[in-house]
Protein backbone atom coordinates (compact mmCIF):
# COMPACT_ATOMS: atom_id res chain seq x y z
CA MET A 1 112.52 84.42 124.59
CA ARG A 2 110.33 86.19 122.44
CA GLY A 3 107.65 83.49 122.95
CA ILE A 4 109.45 80.68 124.33
CA LYS A 5 111.03 80.16 127.75
CA THR A 6 114.75 81.04 127.63
CA TRP A 7 117.05 78.25 127.28
CA VAL A 8 120.66 78.27 128.28
CA ALA A 9 121.98 79.57 124.46
CA LEU A 10 119.51 82.44 124.36
CA ALA A 11 119.56 83.27 128.26
CA GLY A 12 123.17 84.19 127.27
CA MET A 13 122.17 86.50 124.73
CA ALA A 14 119.71 88.39 126.57
CA ALA A 15 122.29 88.59 129.72
CA LEU A 16 124.99 90.37 127.16
CA THR A 17 122.69 92.89 125.75
CA GLN A 18 122.45 93.95 129.65
CA THR A 19 126.02 93.72 130.56
CA ALA A 20 128.46 95.94 128.51
CA LEU A 21 132.07 94.95 128.62
CA ALA A 22 133.14 98.34 126.91
CA GLN A 23 131.22 101.79 127.45
CA THR A 24 131.52 105.11 126.06
CA GLN A 25 129.12 108.30 126.44
CA GLY A 26 125.66 107.54 125.24
CA ASP A 27 125.57 104.18 126.45
CA VAL A 28 127.38 101.69 123.94
CA THR A 29 127.50 98.06 124.58
CA VAL A 30 129.90 95.26 122.95
CA TYR A 31 128.40 91.71 122.65
CA GLY A 32 129.15 88.83 120.97
CA VAL A 33 128.96 85.18 120.46
CA ILE A 34 131.52 82.58 119.70
CA ASP A 35 130.49 78.96 118.44
CA SER A 36 132.64 76.05 117.13
CA GLY A 37 132.88 72.12 117.02
CA LEU A 38 132.92 69.17 114.82
CA THR A 39 130.50 67.32 112.69
CA TYR A 40 130.04 64.07 111.16
CA VAL A 41 127.78 64.25 107.89
CA THR A 42 126.73 61.17 105.99
CA GLY A 43 124.03 59.89 103.61
CA PRO A 44 123.33 56.57 101.29
CA THR A 45 126.05 55.78 98.77
CA GLY A 46 127.59 59.35 99.39
CA SER A 47 130.73 60.32 101.38
CA GLN A 48 130.84 60.47 104.61
CA GLU A 49 132.75 63.35 106.19
CA LEU A 50 134.10 64.63 109.37
CA ARG A 51 134.66 68.44 109.51
CA THR A 52 135.20 71.31 111.69
CA GLU A 53 132.45 73.87 111.40
CA ASP A 54 131.51 77.29 113.31
CA GLY A 55 128.63 79.41 113.75
CA ILE A 56 126.27 76.23 113.83
CA LEU A 57 124.05 76.13 116.89
CA ASN A 58 124.70 79.95 117.43
CA GLY A 59 125.75 82.26 114.56
CA ASN A 60 129.34 83.62 115.33
CA ARG A 61 128.87 87.52 115.77
CA TRP A 62 130.03 90.50 117.42
CA GLY A 63 128.29 93.84 117.80
CA LEU A 64 127.82 97.39 119.05
CA LYS A 65 124.45 98.53 120.25
CA GLY A 66 123.95 101.79 121.55
CA GLN A 67 121.30 104.62 122.50
CA GLU A 68 121.03 108.40 123.31
CA ASP A 69 118.42 110.09 125.54
CA LEU A 70 117.48 112.99 123.57
CA GLY A 71 114.84 114.19 125.91
CA ASN A 72 111.07 114.18 125.74
CA GLY A 73 111.15 110.29 125.93
CA VAL A 74 112.88 109.99 122.68
CA LYS A 75 116.18 108.07 122.10
CA ALA A 76 118.47 107.64 119.36
CA ILE A 77 119.24 104.15 118.84
CA PHE A 78 121.49 102.02 116.42
CA THR A 79 122.98 98.20 116.13
CA LEU A 80 126.10 97.49 114.23
CA GLU A 81 126.59 93.67 113.98
CA ASP A 82 129.43 91.54 112.25
CA GLY A 83 128.74 87.62 111.21
CA PHE A 84 132.50 85.70 111.03
CA ASN A 85 133.93 82.50 110.44
CA LEU A 86 136.00 81.40 113.33
CA ASN A 87 138.08 78.65 111.65
CA THR A 88 139.23 80.99 108.86
CA GLY A 89 138.66 84.53 110.41
CA GLU A 90 136.55 85.62 107.38
CA VAL A 91 133.80 87.85 107.26
CA ASN A 92 130.52 86.22 106.61
CA HIS A 93 127.22 87.47 104.38
CA GLY A 94 129.44 88.18 101.40
CA GLY A 95 132.20 90.19 102.90
CA ALA A 96 130.02 92.58 104.42
CA LEU A 97 131.38 94.27 107.59
CA PHE A 98 128.13 94.41 109.77
CA GLY A 99 126.41 91.84 107.57
CA ARG A 100 124.19 90.60 110.24
CA GLN A 101 122.44 93.91 111.29
CA ALA A 102 123.15 97.28 110.76
CA TYR A 103 120.61 100.48 111.42
CA LEU A 104 120.09 103.43 112.88
CA GLY A 105 116.89 105.17 114.45
CA LEU A 106 114.50 106.55 116.94
CA GLN A 107 112.49 105.14 119.76
CA ASN A 108 109.77 106.38 122.03
CA GLU A 109 107.07 105.09 124.05
CA ILE A 110 104.96 103.92 120.72
CA GLY A 111 107.77 102.09 119.19
CA SER A 112 111.15 102.45 117.15
CA LEU A 113 111.52 103.74 113.44
CA THR A 114 114.73 102.49 112.01
CA LEU A 115 116.87 102.47 108.59
CA GLY A 116 119.38 99.92 107.45
CA ARG A 117 119.87 96.04 107.06
CA GLN A 118 117.70 94.39 109.36
CA TRP A 119 115.66 91.28 110.18
CA ASP A 120 112.22 90.62 108.94
CA PHE A 121 109.52 89.99 110.98
CA THR A 122 109.23 85.96 110.13
CA TRP A 123 112.44 86.24 112.10
CA ASP A 124 111.14 88.39 115.03
CA TYR A 125 108.08 87.09 115.42
CA VAL A 126 107.92 83.45 114.53
CA GLU A 127 111.36 82.22 114.28
CA PRO A 128 111.52 81.45 118.14
CA PHE A 129 108.87 78.71 117.70
CA ASN A 130 111.36 76.72 115.14
CA ILE A 131 111.94 74.12 117.86
CA SER A 132 114.52 72.06 115.80
CA ALA A 133 116.94 75.05 115.41
CA PHE A 134 117.24 75.24 119.01
CA GLY A 135 118.70 71.67 119.11
CA SER A 136 120.56 71.79 115.93
CA GLY A 137 121.62 75.05 113.89
CA TYR A 138 121.46 72.86 110.81
CA ALA A 139 117.84 71.92 111.55
CA VAL A 140 116.26 74.81 109.45
CA HIS A 141 113.34 74.24 106.94
CA GLN A 142 113.95 72.94 103.90
CA GLY A 143 115.91 75.21 101.43
CA ASP A 144 115.25 78.17 104.07
CA PHE A 145 112.50 79.25 101.33
CA ASP A 146 110.55 80.64 104.37
CA ARG A 147 113.44 82.56 105.66
CA MET A 148 113.06 80.78 109.11
CA SER A 149 116.91 80.59 109.61
CA GLY A 150 117.02 84.57 109.59
CA ASP A 151 117.39 86.61 106.87
CA ASN A 152 117.84 90.61 106.50
CA PHE A 153 116.40 92.97 104.30
CA ASP A 154 118.63 95.74 102.81
CA ASN A 155 117.68 99.41 102.27
CA SER A 156 115.10 98.60 104.94
CA LEU A 157 112.72 101.07 106.78
CA LYS A 158 111.29 99.38 109.80
CA PHE A 159 108.77 100.01 112.44
CA SER A 160 108.57 97.63 115.67
CA SER A 161 105.93 98.67 118.33
CA GLN A 162 106.68 98.56 121.87
CA ASP A 163 104.84 96.08 124.29
CA PHE A 164 101.08 96.77 124.58
CA GLY A 165 99.27 94.50 127.12
CA GLY A 166 101.24 91.63 125.55
CA VAL A 167 100.73 92.40 122.01
CA THR A 168 103.58 93.62 119.81
CA PHE A 169 103.39 94.57 116.01
CA GLY A 170 105.54 95.81 113.03
CA ALA A 171 105.92 96.57 109.35
CA MET A 172 108.68 96.96 107.17
CA PHE A 173 109.64 97.83 103.49
CA SER A 174 112.87 97.15 101.60
CA PHE A 175 113.73 99.43 99.00
CA SER A 176 115.04 97.99 95.67
CA ASN A 177 117.66 100.87 95.16
CA ILE A 178 117.17 100.20 91.40
CA SER A 179 117.01 103.10 89.31
CA ASP A 180 114.70 102.05 86.76
CA SER A 181 112.85 99.12 88.93
CA PHE A 182 111.11 100.31 92.20
CA HIS A 183 109.37 96.71 92.34
CA ASP A 184 112.34 94.01 91.27
CA GLY A 185 114.37 93.50 94.31
CA SER A 186 112.08 95.12 96.96
CA GLY A 187 110.21 93.35 99.71
CA TRP A 188 108.36 93.85 102.82
CA SER A 189 107.17 92.00 105.83
CA VAL A 190 104.49 92.55 108.54
CA GLY A 191 103.68 90.67 111.77
CA MET A 192 102.37 90.65 115.31
CA HIS A 193 103.50 88.72 118.62
CA TYR A 194 101.43 88.20 121.70
CA GLN A 195 102.79 86.87 125.18
CA SER A 196 100.43 86.26 128.16
CA GLY A 197 101.93 84.23 131.17
CA PRO A 198 103.21 80.94 129.65
CA PHE A 199 101.46 81.05 126.11
CA ALA A 200 102.81 82.89 123.45
CA SER A 201 102.02 83.03 119.55
CA GLY A 202 103.30 84.99 116.48
CA ILE A 203 102.25 85.54 113.06
CA ALA A 204 104.36 87.26 110.20
CA TYR A 205 104.19 87.68 106.23
CA THR A 206 106.86 88.46 104.12
CA GLN A 207 107.58 88.91 100.63
CA LEU A 208 110.52 89.32 98.41
CA ASN A 209 109.84 90.67 94.55
CA GLN A 210 112.37 89.01 92.30
CA THR A 211 115.05 87.06 93.83
CA THR A 212 117.09 83.92 93.04
CA ALA A 213 117.36 80.29 94.09
CA ASP A 214 119.57 77.05 93.48
CA PRO A 215 117.09 74.42 93.90
CA TYR A 216 118.91 71.47 93.67
CA ALA A 217 121.66 72.80 96.09
CA GLN A 218 118.76 73.78 98.75
CA ILE A 219 116.45 70.79 98.61
CA GLY A 220 117.80 68.18 96.18
CA VAL A 221 115.29 68.25 93.51
CA SER A 222 115.58 67.58 89.85
CA SER A 223 112.41 69.55 88.82
CA PHE A 224 111.11 73.16 90.10
CA LEU A 225 108.54 75.07 88.92
CA GLY A 226 108.03 72.79 85.92
CA GLN A 227 111.47 73.27 84.76
CA THR A 228 114.54 70.84 85.04
CA VAL A 229 117.17 72.20 87.63
CA ALA A 230 119.32 68.93 87.73
CA VAL A 231 120.45 65.97 85.18
CA LYS A 232 121.97 62.97 86.64
CA ASP A 233 124.12 61.00 84.52
CA PRO A 234 123.10 57.18 84.15
CA ALA A 235 126.66 55.68 83.71
CA THR A 236 128.36 57.50 86.58
CA GLY A 237 125.49 58.56 88.82
CA GLY A 238 126.85 62.04 88.87
CA VAL A 239 124.59 65.12 89.27
CA THR A 240 124.76 68.14 87.18
CA ASP A 241 123.15 71.22 88.95
CA LEU A 242 122.01 73.41 86.08
CA TYR A 243 121.61 76.63 88.23
CA ALA A 244 124.79 76.15 90.52
CA ASP A 245 126.54 79.11 88.51
CA THR A 246 123.86 81.13 87.59
CA PRO A 247 120.75 80.81 90.29
CA LEU A 248 117.18 80.45 89.11
CA THR A 249 115.31 83.74 89.10
CA ILE A 250 112.07 83.75 91.34
CA ASP A 251 109.57 86.65 90.56
CA LYS A 252 107.82 86.49 93.76
CA LEU A 253 108.36 84.58 97.00
CA GLY A 254 105.93 84.97 100.02
CA THR A 255 105.77 83.25 103.12
CA MET A 256 103.04 83.21 105.72
CA ALA A 257 104.09 81.92 109.09
CA VAL A 258 102.69 81.21 112.13
CA GLY A 259 103.63 79.56 115.75
CA ALA A 260 102.94 79.18 119.19
CA SER A 261 104.44 77.82 122.32
CA TYR A 262 103.30 77.06 126.10
CA ASP A 263 105.46 76.73 129.07
CA PHE A 264 104.59 73.99 131.53
CA GLY A 265 107.52 74.47 133.91
CA ARG A 266 110.45 72.26 132.99
CA LEU A 267 108.79 71.50 129.55
CA THR A 268 108.02 74.02 126.82
CA MET A 269 105.92 72.73 123.86
CA ALA A 270 106.08 74.85 120.45
CA GLY A 271 105.09 74.38 116.95
CA ASN A 272 104.98 76.22 113.81
CA PHE A 273 103.58 76.37 109.95
CA THR A 274 104.87 78.06 107.29
CA TYR A 275 103.17 78.41 103.94
CA THR A 276 105.61 79.78 100.74
CA ASP A 277 104.07 80.74 97.36
CA ILE A 278 106.88 80.47 95.02
CA ARG A 279 106.37 82.00 91.85
CA SER A 280 108.56 82.02 88.35
CA GLU A 281 108.89 84.82 85.83
CA ASP A 282 106.54 82.68 83.46
CA ASP A 283 103.86 82.77 86.51
CA VAL A 284 104.23 79.23 87.00
CA SER A 285 103.75 78.94 90.90
CA SER A 286 104.30 75.87 93.55
CA SER A 287 103.86 76.23 97.14
CA MET A 288 105.71 74.69 100.29
CA LYS A 289 104.35 73.69 103.26
CA VAL A 290 106.16 72.86 106.61
CA TYR A 291 104.82 71.45 109.77
CA GLU A 292 106.86 71.65 112.61
CA ILE A 293 106.21 70.42 116.24
CA GLY A 294 108.78 69.73 119.42
CA GLY A 295 109.93 70.32 123.00
CA MET A 296 112.50 71.50 125.22
CA TYR A 297 112.83 69.99 128.63
CA ASP A 298 114.98 70.63 131.62
CA ILE A 299 116.41 67.72 132.60
CA THR A 300 118.53 69.28 135.62
CA ALA A 301 119.34 73.08 136.09
CA ALA A 302 122.23 72.70 133.71
CA LEU A 303 121.18 70.16 130.96
CA GLN A 304 118.62 70.84 128.71
CA GLY A 305 116.97 68.03 125.95
CA VAL A 306 115.34 69.25 122.65
CA LEU A 307 113.51 67.04 120.75
CA GLY A 308 111.83 68.46 117.10
CA TYR A 309 110.03 67.03 114.04
CA GLN A 310 109.38 68.45 110.68
CA HIS A 311 107.27 67.67 107.85
CA THR A 312 107.58 69.34 104.44
CA LEU A 313 105.53 69.24 101.07
CA PHE A 314 106.27 70.49 97.73
CA GLU A 315 104.84 69.64 94.62
CA ASP A 316 105.27 65.50 94.15
CA THR A 317 108.03 65.76 97.07
CA HIS A 318 107.67 65.37 100.70
CA TRP A 319 110.60 65.31 103.77
CA ASN A 320 110.31 63.90 107.23
CA GLN A 321 113.25 65.07 109.61
CA VAL A 322 113.82 64.71 113.39
CA THR A 323 116.19 66.44 115.22
CA ALA A 324 117.60 65.84 118.96
CA ALA A 325 119.93 67.44 121.30
CA LEU A 326 121.65 67.93 124.71
CA VAL A 327 122.79 71.33 125.92
CA TYR A 328 124.69 71.42 128.85
CA SER A 329 125.59 74.67 130.53
CA LEU A 330 129.17 75.05 132.08
CA SER A 331 128.40 78.43 133.26
CA LYS A 332 126.13 81.60 132.42
CA ARG A 333 127.98 81.91 129.29
CA THR A 334 129.65 79.05 128.15
CA GLN A 335 127.75 75.74 126.90
CA VAL A 336 128.63 72.40 125.23
CA TYR A 337 126.07 70.51 123.31
CA VAL A 338 125.71 67.28 121.04
CA SER A 339 123.00 67.00 118.53
CA GLY A 340 121.83 65.20 115.63
CA ASP A 341 119.20 65.52 112.50
CA TYR A 342 117.92 62.76 110.44
CA LEU A 343 116.01 63.42 107.19
CA THR A 344 114.40 61.40 104.59
CA ALA A 345 112.68 62.43 101.39
CA SER A 346 110.74 60.86 98.64
CA ASP A 347 112.28 58.54 96.28
CA GLY A 348 114.20 60.29 93.43
CA THR A 349 114.96 63.47 95.87
CA HIS A 350 118.63 63.87 96.93
CA ALA A 351 118.23 64.55 100.64
CA VAL A 352 119.49 68.13 102.06
CA ILE A 353 119.42 68.72 105.95
CA GLY A 354 118.62 72.52 106.22
CA TYR A 355 120.55 73.55 103.10
CA SER A 356 123.56 72.63 105.17
CA PHE A 357 125.45 70.43 103.21
CA ALA A 358 126.15 69.12 99.64
CA PRO A 359 122.65 66.76 98.65
CA ALA A 360 123.30 63.08 99.59
CA GLN A 361 123.18 60.77 96.77
CA GLY A 362 120.09 59.32 98.07
CA SER A 363 116.97 59.82 99.90
CA HIS A 364 118.30 60.14 103.32
CA GLN A 365 120.80 62.16 104.99
CA SER A 366 122.15 62.30 108.44
CA ASP A 367 124.46 64.45 110.95
CA VAL A 368 126.11 64.41 114.27
CA ARG A 369 127.71 67.24 115.98
CA ILE A 370 129.58 68.40 119.36
CA GLY A 371 130.19 71.77 119.97
CA MET A 372 130.84 74.57 122.46
CA SER A 373 129.31 78.15 122.56
CA HIS A 374 130.53 80.98 124.37
CA PHE A 375 128.54 84.54 124.68
CA PHE A 376 130.33 87.62 125.89
């Protein structure tokens, strides 16, 4: 699993890419994942809520993946992948039909060169070591500023190498497609992955040039890069998010991410570290550091336990988060799971688990989820 022993959820994904439910000329595969369940979320002095949510542990998707042999070791390849909301039937990613992935390209014995909407190398080479997220889909890094939850580049040209003695590498560039600005809205990513027996590691650097953020909604802070981003009413305790309607512009967002894992057999240990430089249009910058470690343990052939811990530092704020889960495989394609997260933040910061919920009206937040996933 790109550097970690495959667990039941991602084993299904590997299997579905090999088994076509529908094929046409040129070897086209139809595949997908459906995930749904109930989530209970709470926080101090804030509301407690039981809600139906889908696409959490495994993002809901269906896709088409194809290739055609052009001769002389060259293949034409494509992927079209749509994300959707199971509870409403709506398309995710702003209504884009193939918002998860959409690319076309060529592949040979050296690697592949593709054009379209594609994952960056933080996702390809380091996200597999985001151990907490394999237990709970809510347990992404604070605010997802480091893109560890999986983010795409539009208008991108991407090269990904084949495996050379356990080493794979790649580079990509995302064009702004803005007539008067080649730089603003562009981005780039490079990375490398190494696999040798039970050991795996990955490193990537990804940069966005001029993007946006809603700091209070993402990490629950009232001050960000020297600016006030949320105001609390002392009489009512209510908070006004100053960038809820018009997000804050960030001039540069650059993340260096590294991760590693070791498979001991029934136990796999993994960890990662990300360093994200966040720079405003006024050239004010701060860094976010995330340290994560955890493990997955095969309790039985069908039952797996996951435990992860994250520590995050940003400006004068720190966060600590613990994630735990049990995942039971009913078959090779269907699983049920129960997961939980507990997050604490510095005093004065409103805790937000993984940019998944509204900020709690206090410094800690927790959630418990029971769900089911099916791969096809």
